[in-house]
Amino acid sequence: MTSTAADPGSPEYWNGEGGRRWLAHMDQTERLLEPLTASLYEAAAVAAGEAVLDIGCGGGATSRELAERAGPAGRVTGVDVSAPILAAARERARGLRNLAFMV
C-alpha cells in the first residue's frame, strides 16, 4: 500500500492539509493533551543537564517544557515530520538556547 496526501500516516499529509489543521487548532490540542503530557514529564523525570529527544514534537509544547527541565546545561531536540508545524514550534521556542528542532 502506498501513502497518499490524504493518509494521516504520510509525511505529505502533515506537510499539507494535516499540518494546516494542526496549526489551526494547536493551542486547543495542546491543552487537551496536558493531562497526558503531565504523566509523560513525571515518567521521564528529566534532570538538569540531560539530553532529550522529543519524537513527534508537533508544535513544541513538550519540547519547551523538557528544555526548561533539562536547564541550560541540558539539550533537547524536537523532531517532527511536518515542516510547517516545526516552523511554529521554532517561533514559539525563540530564546531557548538548549532547544533545537529538526524534520
PDB file of N, CA and C in Angstrom:
ATOM      1  N   MET A   1       0.838  -1.183   0.000  1.00  0.00           N
ATOM      2  CA  MET A   1       0.000   0.000   0.000  1.00  0.00           C
ATOM      3  C   MET A   1       0.881   1.245   0.000  1.00  0.00           C
ATOM      4  N   THR A   2       0.530   2.224  -0.783  1.00  0.00           N
ATOM      5  CA  THR A   2       1.298   3.455  -0.861  1.00  0.00           C
ATOM      6  C   THR A   2       0.610   4.561  -0.076  1.00  0.00           C
ATOM      7  N   SER A   3       1.411   5.492   0.420  1.00  0.00           N
ATOM      8  CA  SER A   3       0.865   6.638   1.149  1.00  0.00           C
ATOM      9  C   SER A   3       0.376   7.681   0.168  1.00  0.00           C
ATOM     10  N   THR A   4      -0.658   8.382   0.567  1.00  0.00           N
ATOM     11  CA  THR A   4      -1.167   9.494  -0.232  1.00  0.00           C
ATOM     12  C   THR A   4      -1.256  10.726   0.648  1.00  0.00           C
ATOM     13  N   ALA A   5      -1.468  11.864   0.014  1.00  0.00           N
ATOM     14  CA  ALA A   5      -1.572  13.108   0.774  1.00  0.00           C
ATOM     15  C   ALA A   5      -2.719  13.071   1.770  1.00  0.00           C
ATOM     16  N   ALA A   6      -3.750  12.260   1.514  1.00  0.00           N
ATOM     17  CA  ALA A   6      -4.891  12.176   2.426  1.00  0.00           C
ATOM     18  C   ALA A   6      -4.656  11.172   3.555  1.00  0.00           C
ATOM     19  N   ASP A   7      -3.571  10.448   3.511  1.00  0.00           N
ATOM     20  CA  ASP A   7      -3.248   9.429   4.506  1.00  0.00           C
ATOM     21  C   ASP A   7      -2.602  10.087   5.720  1.00  0.00           C
ATOM     22  N   PRO A   8      -3.276  10.084   6.880  1.00  0.00           N
ATOM     23  CA  PRO A   8      -2.707  10.721   8.075  1.00  0.00           C
ATOM     24  C   PRO A   8      -1.378  10.130   8.525  1.00  0.00           C
ATOM     25  N   GLY A   9      -0.994   8.992   7.968  1.00  0.00           N
ATOM     26  CA  GLY A   9       0.300   8.407   8.289  1.00  0.00           C
ATOM     27  C   GLY A   9       1.403   8.846   7.355  1.00  0.00           C
ATOM     28  N   SER A  10       1.088   9.715   6.404  1.00  0.00           N
ATOM     29  CA  SER A  10       2.089  10.114   5.417  1.00  0.00           C
ATOM     30  C   SER A  10       2.674  11.492   5.731  1.00  0.00           C
ATOM     31  N   PRO A  11       3.957  11.664   5.424  1.00  0.00           N
ATOM     32  CA  PRO A  11       4.561  12.996   5.590  1.00  0.00           C
ATOM     33  C   PRO A  11       3.865  14.050   4.736  1.00  0.00           C
ATOM     34  N   GLU A  12       3.369  13.656   3.569  1.00  0.00           N
ATOM     35  CA  GLU A  12       2.680  14.609   2.702  1.00  0.00           C
ATOM     36  C   GLU A  12       1.460  15.208   3.407  1.00  0.00           C
ATOM     37  N   TYR A  13       0.743  14.375   4.132  1.00  0.00           N
ATOM     38  CA  TYR A  13      -0.427  14.834   4.867  1.00  0.00           C
ATOM     39  C   TYR A  13      -0.030  15.894   5.896  1.00  0.00           C
ATOM     40  N   TRP A  14       1.006  15.613   6.680  1.00  0.00           N
ATOM     41  CA  TRP A  14       1.409  16.524   7.756  1.00  0.00           C
ATOM     42  C   TRP A  14       2.098  17.782   7.241  1.00  0.00           C
ATOM     43  N   ASN A  15       2.592  17.736   6.015  1.00  0.00           N
ATOM     44  CA  ASN A  15       3.181  18.929   5.413  1.00  0.00           C
ATOM     45  C   ASN A  15       2.168  19.689   4.564  1.00  0.00           C
ATOM     46  N   GLY A  16       0.949  19.194   4.512  1.00  0.00           N
ATOM     47  CA  GLY A  16      -0.135  19.832   3.768  1.00  0.00           C
ATOM     48  C   GLY A  16      -1.349  20.026   4.648  1.00  0.00           C
ATOM     49  N   GLU A  17      -2.438  19.344   4.267  1.00  0.00           N
ATOM     50  CA  GLU A  17      -3.724  19.503   4.950  1.00  0.00           C
ATOM     51  C   GLU A  17      -3.641  19.244   6.458  1.00  0.00           C
ATOM     52  N   GLY A  18      -3.012  18.150   6.846  1.00  0.00           N
ATOM     53  CA  GLY A  18      -2.923  17.811   8.270  1.00  0.00           C
ATOM     54  C   GLY A  18      -2.163  18.852   9.072  1.00  0.00           C
ATOM     55  N   GLY A  19      -1.079  19.355   8.492  1.00  0.00           N
ATOM     56  CA  GLY A  19      -0.302  20.395   9.161  1.00  0.00           C
ATOM     57  C   GLY A  19      -1.097  21.678   9.330  1.00  0.00           C
ATOM     58  N   ARG A  20      -1.832  22.045   8.276  1.00  0.00           N
ATOM     59  CA  ARG A  20      -2.670  23.254   8.370  1.00  0.00           C
ATOM     60  C   ARG A  20      -3.737  23.095   9.447  1.00  0.00           C
ATOM     61  N   ARG A  21      -4.351  21.918   9.494  1.00  0.00           N
ATOM     62  CA  ARG A  21      -5.382  21.677  10.519  1.00  0.00           C
ATOM     63  C   ARG A  21      -4.780  21.718  11.921  1.00  0.00           C
ATOM     64  N   TRP A  22      -3.615  21.090  12.086  1.00  0.00           N
ATOM     65  CA  TRP A  22      -2.957  21.088  13.409  1.00  0.00           C
ATOM     66  C   TRP A  22      -2.667  22.521  13.837  1.00  0.00           C
ATOM     67  N   LEU A  23      -2.099  23.307  12.935  1.00  0.00           N
ATOM     68  CA  LEU A  23      -1.767  24.689  13.269  1.00  0.00           C
ATOM     69  C   LEU A  23      -3.001  25.491  13.645  1.00  0.00           C
ATOM     70  N   ALA A  24      -4.116  25.264  12.961  1.00  0.00           N
ATOM     71  CA  ALA A  24      -5.342  25.999  13.244  1.00  0.00           C
ATOM     72  C   ALA A  24      -5.888  25.697  14.638  1.00  0.00           C
ATOM     73  N   HIS A  25      -5.558  24.530  15.168  1.00  0.00           N
ATOM     74  CA  HIS A  25      -6.092  24.100  16.466  1.00  0.00           C
ATOM     75  C   HIS A  25      -4.996  23.740  17.462  1.00  0.00           C
ATOM     76  N   MET A  26      -3.781  24.193  17.212  1.00  0.00           N
ATOM     77  CA  MET A  26      -2.628  23.774  18.015  1.00  0.00           C
ATOM     78  C   MET A  26      -2.791  24.082  19.504  1.00  0.00           C
ATOM     79  N   ASP A  27      -3.155  25.273  19.846  1.00  0.00           N
ATOM     80  CA  ASP A  27      -3.281  25.624  21.269  1.00  0.00           C
ATOM     81  C   ASP A  27      -4.340  24.763  21.956  1.00  0.00           C
ATOM     82  N   GLN A  28      -5.476  24.594  21.305  1.00  0.00           N
ATOM     83  CA  GLN A  28      -6.552  23.782  21.872  1.00  0.00           C
ATOM     84  C   GLN A  28      -6.103  22.323  22.020  1.00  0.00           C
ATOM     85  N   THR A  29      -5.443  21.796  21.017  1.00  0.00           N
ATOM     86  CA  THR A  29      -4.968  20.413  21.064  1.00  0.00           C
ATOM     87  C   THR A  29      -3.962  20.224  22.191  1.00  0.00           C
ATOM     88  N   GLU A  30      -3.043  21.156  22.331  1.00  0.00           N
ATOM     89  CA  GLU A  30      -2.038  21.044  23.397  1.00  0.00           C
ATOM     90  C   GLU A  30      -2.691  21.102  24.776  1.00  0.00           C
ATOM     91  N   ARG A  31      -3.709  21.931  24.933  1.00  0.00           N
ATOM     92  CA  ARG A  31      -4.425  21.974  26.221  1.00  0.00           C
ATOM     93  C   ARG A  31      -5.113  20.632  26.493  1.00  0.00           C
ATOM     94  N   LEU A  32      -5.706  20.038  25.463  1.00  0.00           N
ATOM     95  CA  LEU A  32      -6.358  18.737  25.636  1.00  0.00           C
ATOM     96  C   LEU A  32      -5.361  17.646  26.017  1.00  0.00           C
ATOM     97  N   LEU A  33      -4.134  17.773  25.550  1.00  0.00           N
ATOM     98  CA  LEU A  33      -3.114  16.758  25.824  1.00  0.00           C
ATOM     99  C   LEU A  33      -2.392  16.959  27.160  1.00  0.00           C
ATOM    100  N   GLU A  34      -2.645  18.074  27.843  1.00  0.00           N
ATOM    101  CA  GLU A  34      -1.929  18.376  29.088  1.00  0.00           C
ATOM    102  C   GLU A  34      -1.974  17.261  30.128  1.00  0.00           C
ATOM    103  N   PRO A  35      -3.105  16.602  30.370  1.00  0.00           N
ATOM    104  CA  PRO A  35      -3.077  15.509  31.359  1.00  0.00           C
ATOM    105  C   PRO A  35      -2.123  14.374  30.958  1.00  0.00           C
ATOM    106  N   LEU A  36      -2.090  14.068  29.693  1.00  0.00           N
ATOM    107  CA  LEU A  36      -1.185  13.033  29.210  1.00  0.00           C
ATOM    108  C   LEU A  36       0.270  13.481  29.314  1.00  0.00           C
ATOM    109  N   THR A  37       0.533  14.723  28.916  1.00  0.00           N
ATOM    110  CA  THR A  37       1.914  15.194  28.967  1.00  0.00           C
ATOM    111  C   THR A  37       2.397  15.342  30.408  1.00  0.00           C
ATOM    112  N   ALA A  38       1.520  15.636  31.336  1.00  0.00           N
ATOM    113  CA  ALA A  38       1.923  15.688  32.747  1.00  0.00           C
ATOM    114  C   ALA A  38       2.449  14.333  33.201  1.00  0.00           C
ATOM    115  N   SER A  39       1.787  13.282  32.765  1.00  0.00           N
ATOM    116  CA  SER A  39       2.258  11.926  33.086  1.00  0.00           C
ATOM    117  C   SER A  39       3.588  11.639  32.408  1.00  0.00           C
ATOM    118  N   LEU A  40       3.736  12.118  31.196  1.00  0.00           N
ATOM    119  CA  LEU A  40       4.991  11.936  30.470  1.00  0.00           C
ATOM    120  C   LEU A  40       6.155  12.586  31.215  1.00  0.00           C
ATOM    121  N   TYR A  41       5.965  13.815  31.662  1.00  0.00           N
ATOM    122  CA  TYR A  41       7.041  14.515  32.379  1.00  0.00           C
ATOM    123  C   TYR A  41       7.425  13.767  33.653  1.00  0.00           C
ATOM    124  N   GLU A  42       6.425  13.276  34.354  1.00  0.00           N
ATOM    125  CA  GLU A  42       6.689  12.529  35.589  1.00  0.00           C
ATOM    126  C   GLU A  42       7.470  11.251  35.288  1.00  0.00           C
ATOM    127  N   ALA A  43       7.046  10.517  34.273  1.00  0.00           N
ATOM    128  CA  ALA A  43       7.708   9.250  33.933  1.00  0.00           C
ATOM    129  C   ALA A  43       9.116   9.478  33.391  1.00  0.00           C
ATOM    130  N   ALA A  44       9.294  10.531  32.605  1.00  0.00           N
ATOM    131  CA  ALA A  44      10.610  10.801  32.011  1.00  0.00           C
ATOM    132  C   ALA A  44      11.603  11.288  33.061  1.00  0.00           C
ATOM    133  N   ALA A  45      11.129  12.006  34.046  1.00  0.00           N
ATOM    134  CA  ALA A  45      11.968  12.518  35.134  1.00  0.00           C
ATOM    135  C   ALA A  45      13.255  13.149  34.609  1.00  0.00           C
ATOM    136  N   VAL A  46      13.115  14.051  33.646  1.00  0.00           N
ATOM    137  CA  VAL A  46      14.279  14.715  33.064  1.00  0.00           C
ATOM    138  C   VAL A  46      14.941  15.583  34.128  1.00  0.00           C
ATOM    139  N   ALA A  47      16.245  15.418  34.237  1.00  0.00           N
ATOM    140  CA  ALA A  47      17.025  16.170  35.220  1.00  0.00           C
ATOM    141  C   ALA A  47      17.896  17.202  34.509  1.00  0.00           C
ATOM    142  N   ALA A  48      18.329  18.190  35.261  1.00  0.00           N
ATOM    143  CA  ALA A  48      19.208  19.217  34.713  1.00  0.00           C
ATOM    144  C   ALA A  48      20.431  18.571  34.083  1.00  0.00           C
ATOM    145  N   GLY A  49      20.786  19.065  32.907  1.00  0.00           N
ATOM    146  CA  GLY A  49      21.975  18.595  32.216  1.00  0.00           C
ATOM    147  C   GLY A  49      21.760  17.433  31.272  1.00  0.00           C
ATOM    148  N   GLU A  50      20.568  16.867  31.243  1.00  0.00           N
ATOM    149  CA  GLU A  50      20.317  15.708  30.382  1.00  0.00           C
ATOM    150  C   GLU A  50      20.062  16.119  28.928  1.00  0.00           C
ATOM    151  N   ALA A  51      20.308  15.159  28.033  1.00  0.00           N
ATOM    152  CA  ALA A  51      19.973  15.324  26.621  1.00  0.00           C
ATOM    153  C   ALA A  51      18.681  14.557  26.370  1.00  0.00           C
ATOM    154  N   VAL A  52      17.745  15.187  25.664  1.00  0.00           N
ATOM    155  CA  VAL A  52      16.421  14.605  25.450  1.00  0.00           C
ATOM    156  C   VAL A  52      16.062  14.681  23.968  1.00  0.00           C
ATOM    157  N   LEU A  53      15.464  13.612  23.462  1.00  0.00           N
ATOM    158  CA  LEU A  53      14.943  13.576  22.094  1.00  0.00           C
ATOM    159  C   LEU A  53      13.428  13.474  22.184  1.00  0.00           C
ATOM    160  N   ASP A  54      12.726  14.454  21.648  1.00  0.00           N
ATOM    161  CA  ASP A  54      11.267  14.506  21.670  1.00  0.00           C
ATOM    162  C   ASP A  54      10.761  14.170  20.273  1.00  0.00           C
ATOM    163  N   ILE A  55      10.381  12.918  20.051  1.00  0.00           N
ATOM    164  CA  ILE A  55       9.952  12.456  18.735  1.00  0.00           C
ATOM    165  C   ILE A  55       8.459  12.703  18.568  1.00  0.00           C
ATOM    166  N   GLY A  56       8.092  13.322  17.453  1.00  0.00           N
ATOM    167  CA  GLY A  56       6.692  13.686  17.212  1.00  0.00           C
ATOM    168  C   GLY A  56       6.319  14.891  18.043  1.00  0.00           C
ATOM    169  N   CYS A  57       7.195  15.880  18.078  1.00  0.00           N
ATOM    170  CA  CYS A  57       7.055  17.020  18.989  1.00  0.00           C
ATOM    171  C   CYS A  57       5.966  18.004  18.605  1.00  0.00           C
ATOM    172  N   GLY A  58       5.452  17.913  17.372  1.00  0.00           N
ATOM    173  CA  GLY A  58       4.394  18.834  16.973  1.00  0.00           C
ATOM    174  C   GLY A  58       4.807  20.281  17.149  1.00  0.00           C
ATOM    175  N   GLY A  59       3.948  21.073  17.766  1.00  0.00           N
ATOM    176  CA  GLY A  59       4.198  22.493  17.966  1.00  0.00           C
ATOM    177  C   GLY A  59       5.197  22.827  19.041  1.00  0.00           C
ATOM    178  N   GLY A  60       5.793  21.822  19.655  1.00  0.00           N
ATOM    179  CA  GLY A  60       6.903  22.044  20.567  1.00  0.00           C
ATOM    180  C   GLY A  60       6.571  22.291  22.025  1.00  0.00           C
ATOM    181  N   ALA A  61       5.327  22.132  22.434  1.00  0.00           N
ATOM    182  CA  ALA A  61       4.983  22.376  23.842  1.00  0.00           C
ATOM    183  C   ALA A  61       5.771  21.446  24.760  1.00  0.00           C
ATOM    184  N   THR A  62       5.824  20.170  24.422  1.00  0.00           N
ATOM    185  CA  THR A  62       6.569  19.233  25.262  1.00  0.00           C
ATOM    186  C   THR A  62       8.058  19.531  25.194  1.00  0.00           C
ATOM    187  N   SER A  63       8.547  19.879  24.029  1.00  0.00           N
ATOM    188  CA  SER A  63       9.968  20.188  23.876  1.00  0.00           C
ATOM    189  C   SER A  63      10.364  21.375  24.740  1.00  0.00           C
ATOM    190  N   ARG A  64       9.519  22.398  24.761  1.00  0.00           N
ATOM    191  CA  ARG A  64       9.822  23.581  25.581  1.00  0.00           C
ATOM    192  C   ARG A  64       9.866  23.225  27.055  1.00  0.00           C
ATOM    193  N   GLU A  65       8.894  22.451  27.518  1.00  0.00           N
ATOM    194  CA  GLU A  65       8.868  22.054  28.926  1.00  0.00           C
ATOM    195  C   GLU A  65      10.092  21.203  29.264  1.00  0.00           C
ATOM    196  N   LEU A  66      10.427  20.275  28.384  1.00  0.00           N
ATOM    197  CA  LEU A  66      11.596  19.426  28.615  1.00  0.00           C
ATOM    198  C   LEU A  66      12.882  20.248  28.632  1.00  0.00           C
ATOM    199  N   ALA A  67      12.962  21.265  27.781  1.00  0.00           N
ATOM    200  CA  ALA A  67      14.135  22.141  27.763  1.00  0.00           C
ATOM    201  C   ALA A  67      14.262  22.910  29.073  1.00  0.00           C
ATOM    202  N   GLU A  68      13.135  23.346  29.606  1.00  0.00           N
ATOM    203  CA  GLU A  68      13.161  24.024  30.909  1.00  0.00           C
ATOM    204  C   GLU A  68      13.672  23.071  31.989  1.00  0.00           C
ATOM    205  N   ARG A  69      13.205  21.842  31.955  1.00  0.00           N
ATOM    206  CA  ARG A  69      13.612  20.852  32.959  1.00  0.00           C
ATOM    207  C   ARG A  69      15.074  20.447  32.800  1.00  0.00           C
ATOM    208  N   ALA A  70      15.555  20.374  31.570  1.00  0.00           N
ATOM    209  CA  ALA A  70      16.946  19.999  31.323  1.00  0.00           C
ATOM    210  C   ALA A  70      17.902  21.140  31.677  1.00  0.00           C
ATOM    211  N   GLY A  71      17.381  22.348  31.669  1.00  0.00           N
ATOM    212  CA  GLY A  71      18.187  23.505  32.061  1.00  0.00           C
ATOM    213  C   GLY A  71      19.249  23.865  31.040  1.00  0.00           C
ATOM    214  N   PRO A  72      19.993  24.929  31.326  1.00  0.00           N
ATOM    215  CA  PRO A  72      20.974  25.439  30.375  1.00  0.00           C
ATOM    216  C   PRO A  72      22.087  24.438  30.045  1.00  0.00           C
ATOM    217  N   ALA A  73      22.377  23.530  30.939  1.00  0.00           N
ATOM    218  CA  ALA A  73      23.420  22.533  30.683  1.00  0.00           C
ATOM    219  C   ALA A  73      22.884  21.339  29.891  1.00  0.00           C
ATOM    220  N   GLY A  74      21.569  21.247  29.748  1.00  0.00           N
ATOM    221  CA  GLY A  74      20.955  20.147  29.008  1.00  0.00           C
ATOM    222  C   GLY A  74      20.708  20.520  27.565  1.00  0.00           C
ATOM    223  N   ARG A  75      20.180  19.555  26.827  1.00  0.00           N
ATOM    224  CA  ARG A  75      19.907  19.775  25.410  1.00  0.00           C
ATOM    225  C   ARG A  75      18.672  18.987  25.013  1.00  0.00           C
ATOM    226  N   VAL A  76      17.738  19.629  24.308  1.00  0.00           N
ATOM    227  CA  VAL A  76      16.540  18.959  23.810  1.00  0.00           C
ATOM    228  C   VAL A  76      16.465  19.153  22.299  1.00  0.00           C
ATOM    229  N   THR A  77      16.166  18.060  21.605  1.00  0.00           N
ATOM    230  CA  THR A  77      15.934  18.109  20.170  1.00  0.00           C
ATOM    231  C   THR A  77      14.521  17.608  19.915  1.00  0.00           C
ATOM    232  N   GLY A  78      13.704  18.454  19.328  1.00  0.00           N
ATOM    233  CA  GLY A  78      12.349  18.084  18.941  1.00  0.00           C
ATOM    234  C   GLY A  78      12.345  17.686  17.477  1.00  0.00           C
ATOM    235  N   VAL A  79      11.739  16.541  17.176  1.00  0.00           N
ATOM    236  CA  VAL A  79      11.705  16.019  15.814  1.00  0.00           C
ATOM    237  C   VAL A  79      10.250  15.818  15.400  1.00  0.00           C
ATOM    238  N   ASP A  80       9.938  16.252  14.181  1.00  0.00           N
ATOM    239  CA  ASP A  80       8.601  16.036  13.655  1.00  0.00           C
ATOM    240  C   ASP A  80       8.688  15.953  12.138  1.00  0.00           C
ATOM    241  N   VAL A  81       7.708  15.340  11.530  1.00  0.00           N
ATOM    242  CA  VAL A  81       7.675  15.163  10.082  1.00  0.00           C
ATOM    243  C   VAL A  81       7.141  16.403   9.358  1.00  0.00           C
ATOM    244  N   SER A  82       6.520  17.321  10.077  1.00  0.00           N
ATOM    245  CA  SER A  82       5.846  18.467   9.469  1.00  0.00           C
ATOM    246  C   SER A  82       6.682  19.742   9.560  1.00  0.00           C
ATOM    247  N   ALA A  83       7.191  20.191   8.422  1.00  0.00           N
ATOM    248  CA  ALA A  83       7.955  21.438   8.394  1.00  0.00           C
ATOM    249  C   ALA A  83       7.108  22.652   8.810  1.00  0.00           C
ATOM    250  N   PRO A  84       5.839  22.770   8.376  1.00  0.00           N
ATOM    251  CA  PRO A  84       5.048  23.925   8.806  1.00  0.00           C
ATOM    252  C   PRO A  84       4.808  23.955  10.325  1.00  0.00           C
ATOM    253  N   ILE A  85       4.561  22.817  10.904  1.00  0.00           N
ATOM    254  CA  ILE A  85       4.337  22.768  12.355  1.00  0.00           C
ATOM    255  C   ILE A  85       5.639  23.088  13.082  1.00  0.00           C
ATOM    256  N   LEU A  86       6.765  22.590  12.566  1.00  0.00           N
ATOM    257  CA  LEU A  86       8.054  22.890  13.198  1.00  0.00           C
ATOM    258  C   LEU A  86       8.407  24.371  13.085  1.00  0.00           C
ATOM    259  N   ALA A  87       7.980  25.021  12.025  1.00  0.00           N
ATOM    260  CA  ALA A  87       8.209  26.465  11.912  1.00  0.00           C
ATOM    261  C   ALA A  87       7.519  27.189  13.066  1.00  0.00           C
ATOM    262  N   ALA A  88       6.296  26.777  13.377  1.00  0.00           N
ATOM    263  CA  ALA A  88       5.585  27.362  14.515  1.00  0.00           C
ATOM    264  C   ALA A  88       6.286  27.015  15.825  1.00  0.00           C
ATOM    265  N   ALA A  89       6.759  25.789  15.950  1.00  0.00           N
ATOM    266  CA  ALA A  89       7.467  25.370  17.165  1.00  0.00           C
ATOM    267  C   ALA A  89       8.713  26.224  17.377  1.00  0.00           C
ATOM    268  N   ARG A  90       9.460  26.454  16.314  1.00  0.00           N
ATOM    269  CA  ARG A  90      10.680  27.276  16.418  1.00  0.00           C
ATOM    270  C   ARG A  90      10.333  28.697  16.866  1.00  0.00           C
ATOM    271  N   GLU A  91       9.280  29.240  16.298  1.00  0.00           N
ATOM    272  CA  GLU A  91       8.864  30.602  16.662  1.00  0.00           C
ATOM    273  C   GLU A  91       8.483  30.670  18.140  1.00  0.00           C
ATOM    274  N   ARG A  92       7.763  29.674  18.602  1.00  0.00           N
ATOM    275  CA  ARG A  92       7.301  29.654  19.993  1.00  0.00           C
ATOM    276  C   ARG A  92       8.442  29.413  20.979  1.00  0.00           C
ATOM    277  N   ALA A  93       9.546  28.848  20.498  1.00  0.00           N
ATOM    278  CA  ALA A  93      10.669  28.498  21.380  1.00  0.00           C
ATOM    279  C   ALA A  93      11.821  29.495  21.283  1.00  0.00           C
ATOM    280  N   ARG A  94      11.578  30.597  20.594  1.00  0.00           N
ATOM    281  CA  ARG A  94      12.658  31.575  20.474  1.00  0.00           C
ATOM    282  C   ARG A  94      13.199  31.948  21.846  1.00  0.00           C
ATOM    283  N   GLY A  95      14.508  31.983  21.952  1.00  0.00           N
ATOM    284  CA  GLY A  95      15.142  32.338  23.215  1.00  0.00           C
ATOM    285  C   GLY A  95      15.580  31.147  24.042  1.00  0.00           C
ATOM    286  N   LEU A  96      15.072  29.961  23.737  1.00  0.00           N
ATOM    287  CA  LEU A  96      15.517  28.753  24.456  1.00  0.00           C
ATOM    288  C   LEU A  96      16.747  28.211  23.731  1.00  0.00           C
ATOM    289  N   ARG A  97      17.914  28.492  24.278  1.00  0.00           N
ATOM    290  CA  ARG A  97      19.160  28.134  23.605  1.00  0.00           C
ATOM    291  C   ARG A  97      19.481  26.642  23.662  1.00  0.00           C
ATOM    292  N   ASN A  98      18.836  25.916  24.535  1.00  0.00           N
ATOM    293  CA  ASN A  98      19.112  24.488  24.667  1.00  0.00           C
ATOM    294  C   ASN A  98      18.086  23.631  23.921  1.00  0.00           C
ATOM    295  N   LEU A  99      17.361  24.244  22.990  1.00  0.00           N
ATOM    296  CA  LEU A  99      16.304  23.548  22.257  1.00  0.00           C
ATOM    297  C   LEU A  99      16.481  23.769  20.765  1.00  0.00           C
ATOM    298  N   ALA A 100      16.448  22.653  20.009  1.00  0.00           N
ATOM    299  CA  ALA A 100      16.528  22.709  18.546  1.00  0.00           C
ATOM    300  C   ALA A 100      15.437  21.802  17.981  1.00  0.00           C
ATOM    301  N   PHE A 101      15.023  22.110  16.769  1.00  0.00           N
ATOM    302  CA  PHE A 101      14.010  21.302  16.090  1.00  0.00           C
ATOM    303  C   PHE A 101      14.551  20.847  14.749  1.00  0.00           C
ATOM    304  N   MET A 102      14.139  19.653  14.344  1.00  0.00           N
ATOM    305  CA  MET A 102      14.524  19.157  13.020  1.00  0.00           C
ATOM    306  C   MET A 102      13.427  18.285  12.434  1.00  0.00           C
ATOM    307  N   VAL A 103      13.366  18.310  11.088  1.00  0.00           N
ATOM    308  CA  VAL A 103      12.399  17.480  10.366  1.00  0.00           C
ATOM    309  C   VAL A 103      12.961  16.068  10.301  1.00  0.00           C
TER     310      VAL A 103
END
